[in-house]
N, C-alpha and C. Protein backbone atom coordinates (compact mmCIF):
# COMPACT_ATOMS: atom_id res chain seq x y z
N MET A 1 93.39 89.07 64.86
CA MET A 1 92.64 88.53 66.05
C MET A 1 93.42 88.20 67.23
N LEU A 2 94.66 87.69 67.04
CA LEU A 2 95.40 87.31 68.10
C LEU A 2 96.03 88.59 68.83
N LYS A 3 96.24 89.75 68.16
CA LYS A 3 96.70 90.87 68.81
C LYS A 3 95.60 91.43 69.84
N THR A 4 94.35 91.34 69.49
CA THR A 4 93.49 91.89 70.50
C THR A 4 93.33 91.07 71.67
N LYS A 5 93.83 89.81 71.66
CA LYS A 5 93.69 89.03 72.99
C LYS A 5 94.96 89.27 73.84
N ILE A 6 96.13 89.67 73.15
CA ILE A 6 97.31 89.84 73.87
C ILE A 6 97.39 91.21 74.46
N LEU A 7 96.79 92.31 73.81
CA LEU A 7 96.94 93.59 74.27
C LEU A 7 96.40 93.90 75.59
N PRO A 8 95.24 93.28 76.00
CA PRO A 8 94.77 93.58 77.39
C PRO A 8 95.64 93.08 78.50
N ILE A 9 96.48 92.13 78.33
CA ILE A 9 97.40 91.62 79.31
C ILE A 9 98.38 92.65 79.70
N PRO A 10 99.19 93.22 78.70
CA PRO A 10 100.16 94.19 79.08
C PRO A 10 99.47 95.45 79.57
N LEU A 11 98.30 95.86 79.09
CA LEU A 11 97.53 96.97 79.62
C LEU A 11 97.22 96.75 81.12
N PHE A 12 96.73 95.47 81.33
CA PHE A 12 96.38 95.14 82.77
C PHE A 12 97.56 95.31 83.67
N LEU A 13 98.69 94.74 83.21
CA LEU A 13 99.93 94.80 83.97
C LEU A 13 100.36 96.21 84.26
N LEU A 14 100.32 97.04 83.23
CA LEU A 14 100.70 98.44 83.32
C LEU A 14 99.78 99.16 84.37
N CYS A 15 98.43 98.96 84.28
CA CYS A 15 97.48 99.58 85.26
C CYS A 15 97.88 99.06 86.71
N PHE A 16 98.13 97.77 86.83
CA PHE A 16 98.32 97.20 88.12
C PHE A 16 99.56 97.69 88.85
N PHE A 17 100.67 97.81 88.02
CA PHE A 17 101.92 98.32 88.69
C PHE A 17 101.90 99.87 88.79
N CYS A 18 101.15 100.66 88.00
CA CYS A 18 101.03 102.02 88.22
C CYS A 18 100.15 102.36 89.34
N SER A 19 99.27 101.47 89.82
CA SER A 19 98.37 101.77 90.99
C SER A 19 98.91 101.02 92.24
N SER A 20 100.00 100.52 92.16
CA SER A 20 100.52 99.84 93.34
C SER A 20 101.13 100.87 94.41
N PRO A 21 101.07 100.50 95.69
CA PRO A 21 101.46 101.44 96.65
C PRO A 21 102.92 101.85 96.41
N LEU A 22 103.82 100.98 95.95
CA LEU A 22 105.17 101.37 95.65
C LEU A 22 105.32 102.54 94.75
N PHE A 23 104.55 102.42 93.65
CA PHE A 23 104.54 103.49 92.62
C PHE A 23 104.00 104.74 93.23
N ALA A 24 102.84 104.67 93.99
CA ALA A 24 102.23 105.82 94.62
C ALA A 24 103.19 106.53 95.58
N ALA A 25 103.95 105.85 96.41
CA ALA A 25 104.83 106.34 97.42
C ALA A 25 106.04 107.08 96.64
N GLN A 26 106.43 106.67 95.46
CA GLN A 26 107.43 107.41 94.78
C GLN A 26 107.06 108.69 94.17
N LYS A 27 105.69 108.84 93.89
CA LYS A 27 105.11 110.01 93.36
C LYS A 27 104.78 111.05 94.42
N THR A 28 104.61 110.66 95.75
CA THR A 28 104.27 111.60 96.77
C THR A 28 105.36 112.51 97.07
N LYS A 29 104.96 113.81 97.12
CA LYS A 29 105.93 114.76 97.40
C LYS A 29 106.17 114.84 98.97
N PRO A 30 107.39 115.11 99.35
CA PRO A 30 107.62 115.27 100.75
C PRO A 30 106.91 116.45 101.37
N LEU A 31 106.64 116.22 102.57
CA LEU A 31 106.11 117.32 103.44
C LEU A 31 107.15 118.33 103.76
N ILE A 32 106.87 119.60 103.77
CA ILE A 32 107.93 120.67 104.09
C ILE A 32 107.54 121.13 105.42
N LEU A 33 108.58 121.05 106.47
CA LEU A 33 108.41 121.40 107.76
C LEU A 33 109.22 122.68 107.93
N GLY A 34 108.44 123.80 108.06
CA GLY A 34 109.22 125.13 108.38
C GLY A 34 109.49 125.27 109.69
N VAL A 35 110.70 125.70 110.05
CA VAL A 35 111.11 125.84 111.37
C VAL A 35 111.56 127.27 111.75
N PHE A 36 110.89 127.87 112.74
CA PHE A 36 111.21 129.24 113.04
C PHE A 36 112.78 129.38 113.32
N PRO A 37 113.43 130.28 112.77
CA PRO A 37 114.85 130.33 112.90
C PRO A 37 115.35 130.93 114.28
N TYR A 38 115.24 130.16 115.32
CA TYR A 38 115.60 130.63 116.72
C TYR A 38 116.81 130.19 117.22
N ILE A 39 117.44 129.15 116.48
CA ILE A 39 118.73 128.60 116.88
C ILE A 39 119.56 128.35 115.61
N SER A 40 120.77 127.98 115.79
CA SER A 40 121.60 127.77 114.64
C SER A 40 121.19 126.45 113.77
N ALA A 41 121.59 126.34 112.60
CA ALA A 41 121.14 125.25 111.75
C ALA A 41 121.71 123.90 112.41
N ASN A 42 123.04 123.83 112.88
CA ASN A 42 123.42 122.64 113.50
C ASN A 42 122.66 122.25 114.80
N GLN A 43 122.23 123.16 115.62
CA GLN A 43 121.40 122.96 116.71
C GLN A 43 120.03 122.46 116.28
N MET A 44 119.47 123.14 115.29
CA MET A 44 118.23 122.68 114.80
C MET A 44 118.18 121.22 114.32
N ILE A 45 119.18 120.81 113.53
CA ILE A 45 119.28 119.58 113.05
C ILE A 45 119.43 118.47 114.29
N SER A 46 120.30 118.74 115.13
CA SER A 46 120.52 117.86 116.25
C SER A 46 119.26 117.81 117.18
N GLN A 47 118.54 118.92 117.36
CA GLN A 47 117.43 118.77 118.23
C GLN A 47 116.08 118.30 117.57
N LEU A 48 115.92 118.60 116.29
CA LEU A 48 114.66 118.33 115.66
C LEU A 48 114.62 117.04 114.79
N SER A 49 115.88 116.47 114.53
CA SER A 49 115.95 115.29 113.63
C SER A 49 115.13 114.22 114.25
N PRO A 50 115.15 113.94 115.55
CA PRO A 50 114.38 112.82 116.05
C PRO A 50 112.76 113.08 115.75
N LEU A 51 112.39 114.28 115.93
CA LEU A 51 111.03 114.65 115.63
C LEU A 51 110.71 114.37 114.04
N VAL A 52 111.54 114.75 113.23
CA VAL A 52 111.34 114.53 111.86
C VAL A 52 111.31 113.05 111.54
N SER A 53 112.17 112.35 112.10
CA SER A 53 112.25 110.85 111.80
C SER A 53 110.84 110.23 112.29
N ARG A 54 110.48 110.64 113.49
CA ARG A 54 109.19 110.00 113.94
C ARG A 54 107.98 110.41 113.11
N MET A 55 107.95 111.69 112.61
CA MET A 55 106.95 112.19 111.70
C MET A 55 106.92 111.29 110.48
N GLU A 56 108.11 111.10 109.87
CA GLU A 56 108.08 110.17 108.65
C GLU A 56 107.66 108.85 108.96
N GLU A 57 108.07 108.27 110.07
CA GLU A 57 107.59 106.90 110.47
C GLU A 57 106.03 106.92 110.60
N ALA A 58 105.45 107.83 111.30
CA ALA A 58 104.02 107.92 111.57
C ALA A 58 103.26 108.24 110.34
N LEU A 59 103.78 109.00 109.51
CA LEU A 59 103.04 109.41 108.25
C LEU A 59 103.28 108.68 107.02
N ASP A 60 104.41 107.81 107.17
CA ASP A 60 104.79 106.92 106.11
C ASP A 60 105.11 107.87 104.87
N ARG A 61 105.85 108.98 105.02
CA ARG A 61 106.10 109.98 104.01
C ARG A 61 107.34 110.75 104.41
N LYS A 62 108.02 111.22 103.40
CA LYS A 62 109.25 111.92 103.70
C LYS A 62 108.98 113.28 104.11
N VAL A 63 109.69 113.81 105.21
CA VAL A 63 109.56 115.18 105.77
C VAL A 63 110.88 115.81 105.53
N VAL A 64 110.78 117.05 105.00
CA VAL A 64 112.03 117.93 104.88
C VAL A 64 111.84 119.09 105.80
N MET A 65 112.86 119.30 106.55
CA MET A 65 112.94 120.37 107.51
C MET A 65 113.68 121.51 106.86
N ILE A 66 113.05 122.71 106.87
CA ILE A 66 113.52 123.94 106.27
C ILE A 66 113.38 125.05 107.12
N SER A 67 114.28 125.98 107.16
CA SER A 67 114.11 127.22 108.05
C SER A 67 114.33 128.40 107.05
N ALA A 68 114.59 129.54 107.61
CA ALA A 68 114.87 130.74 106.80
C ALA A 68 116.06 131.49 107.47
N PRO A 69 116.64 132.28 106.62
CA PRO A 69 117.83 133.16 107.11
C PRO A 69 117.55 134.05 108.32
N ASP A 70 116.38 134.58 108.41
CA ASP A 70 115.99 135.51 109.39
C ASP A 70 114.46 135.48 109.57
N PHE A 71 114.03 136.20 110.66
CA PHE A 71 112.62 136.27 111.01
C PHE A 71 111.74 136.69 109.87
N MET A 72 112.06 137.81 109.26
CA MET A 72 111.23 138.46 108.22
C MET A 72 111.03 137.49 107.03
N GLU A 73 112.14 136.90 106.61
CA GLU A 73 111.98 135.97 105.44
C GLU A 73 111.14 134.70 105.86
N TYR A 74 111.28 134.19 107.11
CA TYR A 74 110.49 133.14 107.58
C TYR A 74 109.05 133.51 107.52
N MET A 75 108.66 134.75 107.96
CA MET A 75 107.27 135.13 107.96
C MET A 75 106.76 135.27 106.53
N LYS A 76 107.54 135.82 105.66
CA LYS A 76 107.08 135.80 104.18
C LYS A 76 106.88 134.48 103.61
N ARG A 77 107.70 133.49 104.01
CA ARG A 77 107.49 132.16 103.51
C ARG A 77 106.23 131.45 104.04
N VAL A 78 105.96 131.69 105.37
CA VAL A 78 104.83 131.16 105.98
C VAL A 78 103.65 131.71 105.36
N THR A 79 103.57 133.13 105.22
CA THR A 79 102.36 133.70 104.63
C THR A 79 102.11 133.33 103.19
N LYS A 80 103.18 133.02 102.40
CA LYS A 80 103.13 132.55 101.12
C LYS A 80 102.58 131.12 101.02
N GLY A 81 102.79 130.43 102.09
CA GLY A 81 102.37 128.98 102.15
C GLY A 81 103.50 128.18 101.58
N ASP A 82 104.67 128.40 101.78
CA ASP A 82 105.80 127.55 101.26
C ASP A 82 105.94 126.43 102.07
N TYR A 83 105.47 126.33 103.33
CA TYR A 83 105.61 125.23 104.14
C TYR A 83 104.32 124.45 104.41
N ASP A 84 104.30 123.15 104.44
CA ASP A 84 103.13 122.40 104.67
C ASP A 84 102.77 122.33 106.22
N LEU A 85 103.90 122.35 107.04
CA LEU A 85 103.73 122.35 108.48
C LEU A 85 104.75 123.48 109.06
N VAL A 86 104.49 123.94 110.16
CA VAL A 86 105.33 124.87 110.80
C VAL A 86 105.57 124.65 112.26
N ILE A 87 106.68 124.96 112.73
CA ILE A 87 107.13 124.89 114.17
C ILE A 87 107.45 126.42 114.42
N THR A 88 106.68 127.04 115.28
CA THR A 88 106.79 128.45 115.59
C THR A 88 106.18 128.79 116.93
N ALA A 89 106.40 129.91 117.43
CA ALA A 89 105.80 130.28 118.71
C ALA A 89 104.23 130.57 118.53
N PRO A 90 103.49 130.33 119.45
CA PRO A 90 102.01 130.54 119.34
C PRO A 90 101.55 131.79 118.76
N HIS A 91 102.14 132.86 119.28
CA HIS A 91 101.71 134.26 118.75
C HIS A 91 102.13 134.38 117.35
N MET A 92 103.23 133.83 116.92
CA MET A 92 103.67 133.92 115.52
C MET A 92 102.65 133.12 114.66
N GLY A 93 102.27 132.06 115.15
CA GLY A 93 101.27 131.21 114.40
C GLY A 93 100.03 131.91 114.18
N ARG A 94 99.51 132.56 115.27
CA ARG A 94 98.22 133.35 115.10
C ARG A 94 98.49 134.54 114.11
N LEU A 95 99.62 135.21 114.24
CA LEU A 95 99.90 136.29 113.26
C LEU A 95 99.94 135.81 111.80
N SER A 96 100.45 134.63 111.56
CA SER A 96 100.50 134.06 110.24
C SER A 96 99.17 133.71 109.83
N GLN A 97 98.37 133.32 110.80
CA GLN A 97 96.91 132.81 110.41
C GLN A 97 96.15 133.96 110.00
N LYS A 98 96.35 135.17 110.68
CA LYS A 98 95.64 136.32 110.27
C LYS A 98 96.03 136.88 108.96
N ARG A 99 97.30 136.75 108.69
CA ARG A 99 97.80 137.28 107.37
C ARG A 99 97.31 136.37 106.16
């Protein structure tokens, strides 16, 4: 009889900690930001890092910036849905939307 009274307390604590925002934040996958490969990787990092930092701050979520080695590979990745968000030229965005 004593065991049945003690069991709900650890079960309650387990449910409480698993539903806490800290636990939920750890399980959230980062957003993948796909960047059109129009400049070198070093320039991309220096120019877009402030944007990525601001996005992380506003969304309270990790944002990972990724590009592709060339235009065709970038378009393949966009049409496959590899990126959650993209930075691209307007006409390329529309082309991706149609595909």
